[in-house]
Amino acid sequence: MSERKYRQRGYQDEKPPARDRSGPPQGERKPPEPRAPGRQFQDAAGPKTPNLMAMHEVFKCARCGHKLSTPVGEADRCARCGTAVHACINCVSFDTGARWECSQPAVTARMAPKDEANNCAYFAARTTVERQTTTQVAPNTARQAFDDLFKI
């Protein structure tokens, strides 16, 4: 039996031929030439920060998605759909996979229905962080800019 581990043809059949050491090895490239100075991505202070959109916290109704204000009173209702705002479905602790659909361990009984107002002491409004995609513009600014286009 032969000493080779694999018997496929071409596997360690021959050693590669010795290179001619007088010139650069074949297949290797010359180092790239230095480029002309162009746009600088980094200065002495460090890398440039990207131009990111602003972020802000938003509290929305769980039923219709209407933006609501915080803090939440126990009798508050959504202006669009009329659902109670101080309810389990708008709470941070609301979890459909937890016991009694609440992640608070101190809750000892299930509150039903989840979209009705309650006086739970653990209620905290569920807010989400969203990108601020619009800018705050004065009401007449856009119209004024449009009218300025046609001034003579």
C-alpha atoms as a PDB file:
ATOM      1  CA  MET A   1       0.000   0.000   0.000  1.00  0.00           C
ATOM      2  CA  SER A   2       1.261   3.484  -0.798  1.00  0.00           C
ATOM      3  CA  GLU A   3       2.085   6.165   1.763  1.00  0.00           C
ATOM      4  CA  ARG A   4      -0.284   8.699   0.208  1.00  0.00           C
ATOM      5  CA  LYS A   5      -3.480   9.383   2.071  1.00  0.00           C
ATOM      6  CA  TYR A   6      -5.540  10.057  -1.051  1.00  0.00           C
ATOM      7  CA  ARG A   7      -5.193   8.014  -4.214  1.00  0.00           C
ATOM      8  CA  GLN A   8      -6.732  10.514  -6.672  1.00  0.00           C
ATOM      9  CA  ARG A   9      -4.608  11.318  -9.662  1.00  0.00           C
ATOM     10  CA  GLY A  10      -2.966  14.714  -9.384  1.00  0.00           C
ATOM     11  CA  TYR A  11      -2.796  14.805  -5.581  1.00  0.00           C
ATOM     12  CA  GLN A  12       0.839  15.386  -4.644  1.00  0.00           C
ATOM     13  CA  ASP A  13       2.064  13.681  -7.818  1.00  0.00           C
ATOM     14  CA  GLU A  14       4.964  16.007  -8.341  1.00  0.00           C
ATOM     15  CA  LYS A  15       6.460  18.933  -6.567  1.00  0.00           C
ATOM     16  CA  PRO A  16       5.938  22.272  -8.310  1.00  0.00           C
ATOM     17  CA  PRO A  17       8.825  23.321 -10.534  1.00  0.00           C
ATOM     18  CA  ALA A  18      11.403  25.587  -8.931  1.00  0.00           C
ATOM     19  CA  ARG A  19      11.000  29.293  -9.781  1.00  0.00           C
ATOM     20  CA  ASP A  20      13.592  31.398 -11.405  1.00  0.00           C
ATOM     21  CA  ARG A  21      14.700  33.694  -8.571  1.00  0.00           C
ATOM     22  CA  SER A  22      16.199  36.371 -10.830  1.00  0.00           C
ATOM     23  CA  GLY A  23      12.951  38.327 -11.546  1.00  0.00           C
ATOM     24  CA  PRO A  24       9.574  38.853  -9.957  1.00  0.00           C
ATOM     25  CA  PRO A  25       7.575  35.674  -9.495  1.00  0.00           C
ATOM     26  CA  GLN A  26       4.995  34.990 -12.143  1.00  0.00           C
ATOM     27  CA  GLY A  27       1.415  35.743 -11.186  1.00  0.00           C
ATOM     28  CA  GLU A  28       2.343  38.489  -8.732  1.00  0.00           C
ATOM     29  CA  ARG A  29       1.550  42.094  -9.543  1.00  0.00           C
ATOM     30  CA  LYS A  30       3.515  45.238  -9.035  1.00  0.00           C
ATOM     31  CA  PRO A  31       2.440  47.350  -6.078  1.00  0.00           C
ATOM     32  CA  PRO A  32      -0.174  49.950  -7.066  1.00  0.00           C
ATOM     33  CA  GLU A  33       1.014  53.419  -7.898  1.00  0.00           C
ATOM     34  CA  PRO A  34       0.102  56.108  -5.383  1.00  0.00           C
ATOM     35  CA  ARG A  35      -3.095  57.917  -6.313  1.00  0.00           C
ATOM     36  CA  ALA A  36      -3.625  61.617  -6.524  1.00  0.00           C
ATOM     37  CA  PRO A  37      -5.195  63.103  -3.418  1.00  0.00           C
ATOM     38  CA  GLY A  38      -8.963  62.982  -3.692  1.00  0.00           C
ATOM     39  CA  ARG A  39     -11.853  63.156  -1.305  1.00  0.00           C
ATOM     40  CA  GLN A  40     -10.721  62.731   2.262  1.00  0.00           C
ATOM     41  CA  PHE A  41     -12.918  60.460   4.355  1.00  0.00           C
ATOM     42  CA  GLN A  42     -11.007  61.066   7.524  1.00  0.00           C
ATOM     43  CA  ASP A  43      -9.434  64.099   9.104  1.00  0.00           C
ATOM     44  CA  ALA A  44      -7.323  64.606  12.195  1.00  0.00           C
ATOM     45  CA  ALA A  45     -10.416  64.419  14.429  1.00  0.00           C
ATOM     46  CA  GLY A  46     -11.394  60.975  13.128  1.00  0.00           C
ATOM     47  CA  PRO A  47     -13.905  59.540  10.668  1.00  0.00           C
ATOM     48  CA  LYS A  48     -16.813  61.632   9.438  1.00  0.00           C
ATOM     49  CA  THR A  49     -20.126  60.810  11.000  1.00  0.00           C
ATOM     50  CA  PRO A  50     -22.911  59.935   8.598  1.00  0.00           C
ATOM     51  CA  ASN A  51     -25.885  62.229   8.244  1.00  0.00           C
ATOM     52  CA  LEU A  52     -28.511  60.251  10.184  1.00  0.00           C
ATOM     53  CA  MET A  53     -32.169  61.040  10.633  1.00  0.00           C
ATOM     54  CA  ALA A  54     -33.329  62.227  14.027  1.00  0.00           C
ATOM     55  CA  MET A  55     -35.106  59.773  16.331  1.00  0.00           C
ATOM     56  CA  HIS A  56     -37.989  60.404  18.695  1.00  0.00           C
ATOM     57  CA  GLU A  57     -40.267  58.413  20.995  1.00  0.00           C
ATOM     58  CA  VAL A  58     -43.874  57.950  19.950  1.00  0.00           C
ATOM     59  CA  PHE A  59     -46.870  56.545  21.836  1.00  0.00           C
ATOM     60  CA  LYS A  60     -49.493  55.094  19.487  1.00  0.00           C
ATOM     61  CA  CYS A  61     -52.901  53.528  19.986  1.00  0.00           C
ATOM     62  CA  ALA A  62     -52.645  49.731  19.758  1.00  0.00           C
ATOM     63  CA  ARG A  63     -55.900  49.496  17.778  1.00  0.00           C
ATOM     64  CA  CYS A  64     -55.625  52.195  15.102  1.00  0.00           C
ATOM     65  CA  GLY A  65     -52.040  53.534  15.322  1.00  0.00           C
ATOM     66  CA  HIS A  66     -53.060  57.135  16.068  1.00  0.00           C
ATOM     67  CA  LYS A  67     -50.316  59.126  17.818  1.00  0.00           C
ATOM     68  CA  LEU A  68     -51.240  59.861  21.430  1.00  0.00           C
ATOM     69  CA  SER A  69     -49.765  62.107  24.098  1.00  0.00           C
ATOM     70  CA  THR A  70     -48.151  61.051  27.356  1.00  0.00           C
ATOM     71  CA  PRO A  71     -48.688  60.930  30.348  1.00  0.00           C
ATOM     72  CA  VAL A  72     -51.849  58.855  30.157  1.00  0.00           C
ATOM     73  CA  GLY A  73     -54.851  59.458  32.409  1.00  0.00           C
ATOM     74  CA  GLU A  74     -57.135  56.614  33.495  1.00  0.00           C
ATOM     75  CA  ALA A  75     -60.155  58.034  31.633  1.00  0.00           C
ATOM     76  CA  ASP A  76     -58.346  58.986  28.396  1.00  0.00           C
ATOM     77  CA  ARG A  77     -59.642  57.634  25.086  1.00  0.00           C
ATOM     78  CA  CYS A  78     -58.155  57.549  21.583  1.00  0.00           C
ATOM     79  CA  ALA A  79     -59.411  60.471  19.499  1.00  0.00           C
ATOM     80  CA  ARG A  80     -59.714  58.342  16.343  1.00  0.00           C
ATOM     81  CA  CYS A  81     -61.164  54.971  17.406  1.00  0.00           C
ATOM     82  CA  GLY A  82     -62.436  55.662  20.948  1.00  0.00           C
ATOM     83  CA  THR A  83     -60.529  52.808  22.602  1.00  0.00           C
ATOM     84  CA  ALA A  84     -59.430  53.351  26.199  1.00  0.00           C
ATOM     85  CA  VAL A  85     -55.798  54.435  26.365  1.00  0.00           C
ATOM     86  CA  HIS A  86     -55.121  53.286  29.966  1.00  0.00           C
ATOM     87  CA  ALA A  87     -55.618  49.628  28.993  1.00  0.00           C
ATOM     88  CA  CYS A  88     -53.470  46.494  28.893  1.00  0.00           C
ATOM     89  CA  ILE A  89     -52.998  46.590  25.105  1.00  0.00           C
ATOM     90  CA  ASN A  90     -51.190  49.947  25.371  1.00  0.00           C
ATOM     91  CA  CYS A  91     -48.946  48.851  28.269  1.00  0.00           C
ATOM     92  CA  VAL A  92     -45.248  47.971  28.172  1.00  0.00           C
ATOM     93  CA  SER A  93     -45.923  44.801  30.190  1.00  0.00           C
ATOM     94  CA  PHE A  94     -48.547  43.434  27.768  1.00  0.00           C
ATOM     95  CA  ASP A  95     -47.225  40.090  26.491  1.00  0.00           C
ATOM     96  CA  THR A  96     -49.491  37.538  24.803  1.00  0.00           C
ATOM     97  CA  GLY A  97     -47.081  34.720  25.648  1.00  0.00           C
ATOM     98  CA  ALA A  98     -46.947  35.381  29.393  1.00  0.00           C
ATOM     99  CA  ARG A  99     -49.312  34.171  32.091  1.00  0.00           C
ATOM    100  CA  TRP A 100     -52.439  36.348  32.171  1.00  0.00           C
ATOM    101  CA  GLU A 101     -50.888  38.211  29.204  1.00  0.00           C
ATOM    102  CA  CYS A 102     -48.784  40.402  31.515  1.00  0.00           C
ATOM    103  CA  SER A 103     -45.029  40.225  32.092  1.00  0.00           C
ATOM    104  CA  GLN A 104     -45.301  41.724  35.606  1.00  0.00           C
ATOM    105  CA  PRO A 105     -44.735  38.923  38.147  1.00  0.00           C
ATOM    106  CA  ALA A 106     -46.826  40.690  40.832  1.00  0.00           C
ATOM    107  CA  VAL A 107     -50.065  40.421  38.800  1.00  0.00           C
ATOM    108  CA  THR A 108     -52.200  37.736  40.426  1.00  0.00           C
ATOM    109  CA  ALA A 109     -55.336  37.785  38.263  1.00  0.00           C
ATOM    110  CA  ARG A 110     -56.143  38.172  34.586  1.00  0.00           C
ATOM    111  CA  MET A 111     -57.660  41.467  33.507  1.00  0.00           C
ATOM    112  CA  ALA A 112     -60.273  41.032  30.804  1.00  0.00           C
ATOM    113  CA  PRO A 113     -60.953  42.463  28.277  1.00  0.00           C
ATOM    114  CA  LYS A 114     -57.534  43.826  27.423  1.00  0.00           C
ATOM    115  CA  ASP A 115     -58.785  46.867  25.498  1.00  0.00           C
ATOM    116  CA  GLU A 116     -60.988  48.242  28.308  1.00  0.00           C
ATOM    117  CA  ALA A 117     -59.835  50.872  30.805  1.00  0.00           C
ATOM    118  CA  ASN A 118     -58.379  49.568  34.056  1.00  0.00           C
ATOM    119  CA  ASN A 119     -56.677  50.951  37.149  1.00  0.00           C
ATOM    120  CA  CYS A 120     -53.591  48.744  37.075  1.00  0.00           C
ATOM    121  CA  ALA A 121     -50.763  50.161  39.184  1.00  0.00           C
ATOM    122  CA  TYR A 122     -48.111  48.705  36.849  1.00  0.00           C
ATOM    123  CA  PHE A 123     -49.348  50.490  33.703  1.00  0.00           C
ATOM    124  CA  ALA A 124     -46.653  52.258  31.679  1.00  0.00           C
ATOM    125  CA  ALA A 125     -47.321  53.576  28.181  1.00  0.00           C
ATOM    126  CA  ARG A 126     -45.677  51.501  25.449  1.00  0.00           C
ATOM    127  CA  THR A 127     -43.562  53.871  23.381  1.00  0.00           C
ATOM    128  CA  THR A 128     -41.570  53.106  20.263  1.00  0.00           C
ATOM    129  CA  VAL A 129     -38.557  54.875  18.823  1.00  0.00           C
ATOM    130  CA  GLU A 130     -39.111  56.044  15.257  1.00  0.00           C
ATOM    131  CA  ARG A 131     -37.092  57.938  12.716  1.00  0.00           C
ATOM    132  CA  GLN A 132     -38.209  61.486  12.263  1.00  0.00           C
ATOM    133  CA  THR A 133     -38.728  61.629   8.512  1.00  0.00           C
ATOM    134  CA  THR A 134     -40.450  64.995   8.320  1.00  0.00           C
ATOM    135  CA  THR A 135     -39.236  68.395   9.346  1.00  0.00           C
ATOM    136  CA  GLN A 136     -41.251  70.864  11.341  1.00  0.00           C
ATOM    137  CA  VAL A 137     -42.243  73.603   8.899  1.00  0.00           C
ATOM    138  CA  ALA A 138     -44.244  76.715   9.617  1.00  0.00           C
ATOM    139  CA  PRO A 139     -47.644  76.544   7.858  1.00  0.00           C
ATOM    140  CA  ASN A 140     -46.962  79.416   5.426  1.00  0.00           C
ATOM    141  CA  THR A 141     -43.363  78.507   4.577  1.00  0.00           C
ATOM    142  CA  ALA A 142     -44.158  76.026   1.779  1.00  0.00           C
ATOM    143  CA  ARG A 143     -46.748  78.306   0.212  1.00  0.00           C
ATOM    144  CA  GLN A 144     -44.401  81.282   0.509  1.00  0.00           C
ATOM    145  CA  ALA A 145     -41.613  79.321  -1.198  1.00  0.00           C
ATOM    146  CA  PHE A 146     -43.988  78.356  -4.021  1.00  0.00           C
ATOM    147  CA  ASP A 147     -45.112  81.961  -4.497  1.00  0.00           C
ATOM    148  CA  ASP A 148     -41.492  83.158  -4.517  1.00  0.00           C
ATOM    149  CA  LEU A 149     -40.837  81.027  -7.601  1.00  0.00           C
ATOM    150  CA  PHE A 150     -43.132  83.199  -9.709  1.00  0.00           C
ATOM    151  CA  LYS A 151     -42.127  86.643  -8.471  1.00  0.00           C
ATOM    152  CA  ILE A 152     -40.759  88.963 -11.112  1.00  0.00           C
END
